[in-house]
């Protein structure tokens, strides 16, 4: 007995069941028949016998061109992968003593990223004596949380990592 095909559905000699329910190339049910007999009929019309539903009782097989079937399945998988939206993490960096206008510019970007479906990592960087005033950074992050409350949820609460305070917000 030969090993199953490396990928995709079993076809022709790789089908292990003795009997299969056969569907012809036009989609009409030909009933249950022996696999050898069905394979001969498929070869007579220049097609392969492809196992469509191996878990059924008896398994369902169809007259198809296996090369074309694999090609179409590959195209469908590529289209599905292309349509998939991956969620990225965008980073916005601020300082604890950020000015109002600078804050507004950063917030426009945060809102834009969230509306695009991305997570946003907000980083407050402390330099020198600012390290003694962590509450200023916490106040900025709390302000961000209040301003984005309608469109985003806080995924990671503000926490210190060395000289930086981090918070992650994600779309609701």
Protein backbone atom coordinates (compact mmCIF):
# COMPACT_ATOMS: atom_id res chain seq x y z
CA UNK A 1 0.00 0.00 0.00
CA UNK A 2 1.37 3.41 -0.96
CA UNK A 3 1.61 6.28 1.55
CA UNK A 4 -1.03 9.03 1.44
CA UNK A 5 -0.33 12.11 -0.66
CA UNK A 6 1.86 14.64 1.18
CA UNK A 7 -0.78 17.35 1.23
CA UNK A 8 -4.40 17.83 0.27
CA UNK A 9 -7.16 15.25 -0.13
CA UNK A 10 -6.55 11.59 -0.96
CA UNK A 11 -7.13 10.61 -4.59
CA UNK A 12 -7.06 7.56 -6.88
CA UNK A 13 -4.85 4.79 -5.39
CA UNK A 14 -4.42 6.70 -2.10
CA UNK A 15 -8.11 6.21 -1.17
CA UNK A 16 -8.18 3.50 1.50
CA UNK A 17 -11.92 2.78 1.70
CA UNK A 18 -13.27 -0.24 -0.17
CA UNK A 19 -16.53 1.49 -1.13
CA UNK A 20 -17.23 5.17 -1.72
CA UNK A 21 -20.26 7.32 -2.47
CA UNK A 22 -19.52 8.77 -5.89
CA UNK A 23 -20.45 12.19 -7.28
CA UNK A 24 -19.72 12.80 -10.96
CA UNK A 25 -18.16 15.92 -12.51
CA UNK A 26 -21.59 17.56 -12.89
CA UNK A 27 -22.43 17.13 -9.21
CA UNK A 28 -24.88 14.24 -9.68
CA UNK A 29 -24.88 11.41 -7.14
CA UNK A 30 -23.99 8.07 -8.76
CA UNK A 31 -24.49 6.11 -5.54
CA UNK A 32 -22.21 3.79 -3.57
CA UNK A 33 -19.72 1.71 -5.56
CA UNK A 34 -16.40 -0.03 -5.16
CA UNK A 35 -13.40 2.30 -5.22
CA UNK A 36 -11.72 0.38 -8.12
CA UNK A 37 -14.87 0.64 -10.24
CA UNK A 38 -15.25 4.37 -9.50
CA UNK A 39 -11.55 4.96 -10.30
CA UNK A 40 -11.94 3.21 -13.67
CA UNK A 41 -14.97 5.39 -14.51
CA UNK A 42 -13.02 8.54 -13.56
CA UNK A 43 -10.04 7.49 -15.70
CA UNK A 44 -12.38 6.79 -18.65
CA UNK A 45 -13.48 10.44 -18.68
CA UNK A 46 -9.93 11.72 -18.01
CA UNK A 47 -10.38 12.78 -14.36
CA UNK A 48 -9.23 11.61 -10.92
CA UNK A 49 -11.33 10.14 -8.13
CA UNK A 50 -10.84 12.62 -5.24
CA UNK A 51 -11.96 11.90 -1.66
CA UNK A 52 -14.01 14.93 -0.62
CA UNK A 53 -15.42 13.83 2.74
CA UNK A 54 -13.25 11.06 4.24
CA UNK A 55 -15.12 10.93 7.58
CA UNK A 56 -18.53 10.12 6.09
CA UNK A 57 -19.82 6.55 6.03
CA UNK A 58 -19.09 5.57 3.27
CA UNK A 59 -16.55 8.27 2.30
CA UNK A 60 -17.66 10.70 -0.42
CA UNK A 61 -15.51 10.89 -3.56
CA UNK A 62 -15.89 13.07 -6.62
CA UNK A 63 -14.65 13.01 -10.21
CA UNK A 64 -12.21 15.97 -10.39
CA UNK A 65 -8.94 17.03 -11.97
CA UNK A 66 -6.68 16.82 -8.89
CA UNK A 67 -4.20 19.45 -10.17
CA UNK A 68 -6.95 21.98 -10.78
CA UNK A 69 -8.58 21.16 -7.42
CA UNK A 70 -5.30 21.78 -5.54
CA UNK A 71 -4.68 25.00 -7.49
CA UNK A 72 -8.14 26.39 -6.66
CA UNK A 73 -7.77 25.41 -2.98
CA UNK A 74 -4.41 27.19 -2.87
CA UNK A 75 -5.88 30.33 -4.46
CA UNK A 76 -8.75 30.31 -1.95
CA UNK A 77 -6.33 29.96 0.98
CA UNK A 78 -4.18 32.84 -0.35
CA UNK A 79 -7.23 35.08 -0.73
CA UNK A 80 -8.33 34.26 2.82
CA UNK A 81 -4.85 35.05 4.17
CA UNK A 82 -4.75 38.32 2.24
CA UNK A 83 -8.13 39.44 3.63
CA UNK A 84 -7.04 38.73 7.19
CA UNK A 85 -6.36 41.82 9.34
CA UNK A 86 -3.44 41.44 11.69
CA UNK A 87 -3.58 43.59 14.79
CA UNK A 88 -0.44 45.62 15.21
CA UNK A 89 0.86 47.41 18.29
CA UNK A 90 1.59 51.05 17.55
CA UNK A 91 3.69 53.04 19.99
CA UNK A 92 3.21 56.66 21.05
CA UNK A 93 5.94 58.25 23.15
CA UNK A 94 5.32 61.21 25.46
CA UNK A 95 7.01 63.08 28.28
CA UNK A 96 5.47 63.74 31.72
CA UNK A 97 5.39 67.52 31.19
CA UNK A 98 3.79 67.41 27.72
CA UNK A 99 2.17 70.62 26.45
CA UNK A 100 -1.56 70.75 25.60
CA UNK A 101 -1.12 71.11 21.85
CA UNK A 102 1.46 68.31 21.70
CA UNK A 103 -0.91 66.15 23.73
CA UNK A 104 -3.76 66.85 21.28
CA UNK A 105 -1.58 65.89 18.29
CA UNK A 106 -0.59 62.63 19.99
CA UNK A 107 -4.23 61.91 20.88
CA UNK A 108 -5.32 62.33 17.23
CA UNK A 109 -2.79 59.66 16.30
CA UNK A 110 -3.96 57.38 19.15
CA UNK A 111 -7.59 57.70 18.00
CA UNK A 112 -6.58 57.06 14.38
CA UNK A 113 -4.67 53.89 15.33
CA UNK A 114 -7.55 52.59 17.46
CA UNK A 115 -10.09 53.23 14.69
CA UNK A 116 -7.87 51.22 12.33
CA UNK A 117 -8.15 48.31 14.78
CA UNK A 118 -4.63 48.48 16.18
CA UNK A 119 -3.50 48.37 19.80
CA UNK A 120 -1.61 51.40 21.08
CA UNK A 121 1.29 51.25 23.53
CA UNK A 122 1.70 54.57 25.31
CA UNK A 123 5.16 55.26 26.72
CA UNK A 124 6.02 58.06 29.11
CA UNK A 125 9.78 58.62 29.27
CA UNK A 126 11.33 60.08 32.39
CA UNK A 127 14.68 61.87 32.32
CA UNK A 128 16.81 63.07 35.21
CA UNK A 129 14.83 64.55 38.10
CA UNK A 130 11.51 63.62 36.47
CA UNK A 131 12.04 60.15 37.97
CA UNK A 132 11.13 61.60 41.37
CA UNK A 133 7.69 62.61 40.02
CA UNK A 134 6.07 59.45 38.69
CA UNK A 135 2.67 60.93 39.52
CA UNK A 136 3.03 63.38 36.59
CA UNK A 137 3.38 60.48 34.14
CA UNK A 138 0.49 58.67 35.81
CA UNK A 139 -1.66 61.80 35.42
CA UNK A 140 -0.90 61.95 31.67
CA UNK A 141 -1.80 58.27 31.21
CA UNK A 142 -5.00 58.67 33.24
CA UNK A 143 -5.93 61.61 31.00
CA UNK A 144 -5.35 59.43 27.93
CA UNK A 145 -7.54 56.71 29.46
CA UNK A 146 -10.38 59.21 30.06
CA UNK A 147 -10.10 60.71 26.56
CA UNK A 148 -10.23 57.30 24.84
CA UNK A 149 -12.81 55.70 27.14
CA UNK A 150 -15.54 55.62 24.45
CA UNK A 151 -13.47 53.90 21.75
CA UNK A 152 -10.84 51.91 23.65
CA UNK A 153 -10.31 49.77 26.73
CA UNK A 154 -7.15 49.63 28.80
CA UNK A 155 -5.53 46.28 28.20
CA UNK A 156 -2.52 46.87 30.41
CA UNK A 157 -2.61 49.27 33.33
CA UNK A 158 0.20 51.84 33.66
CA UNK A 159 3.39 50.34 35.11
CA UNK A 160 7.00 51.38 35.45
CA UNK A 161 9.77 49.67 33.50
CA UNK A 162 13.05 51.31 34.32
CA UNK A 163 12.81 54.95 33.25
CA UNK A 164 9.57 54.41 31.31
CA UNK A 165 5.92 54.12 32.28
CA UNK A 166 3.89 51.92 29.91
CA UNK A 167 0.18 51.46 29.22
CA UNK A 168 -1.54 49.52 26.41
CA UNK A 169 -4.99 50.38 25.07
CA UNK A 170 -6.95 48.26 22.59
CA UNK A 171 -10.10 48.92 20.52
CA UNK A 172 -13.38 48.01 22.24
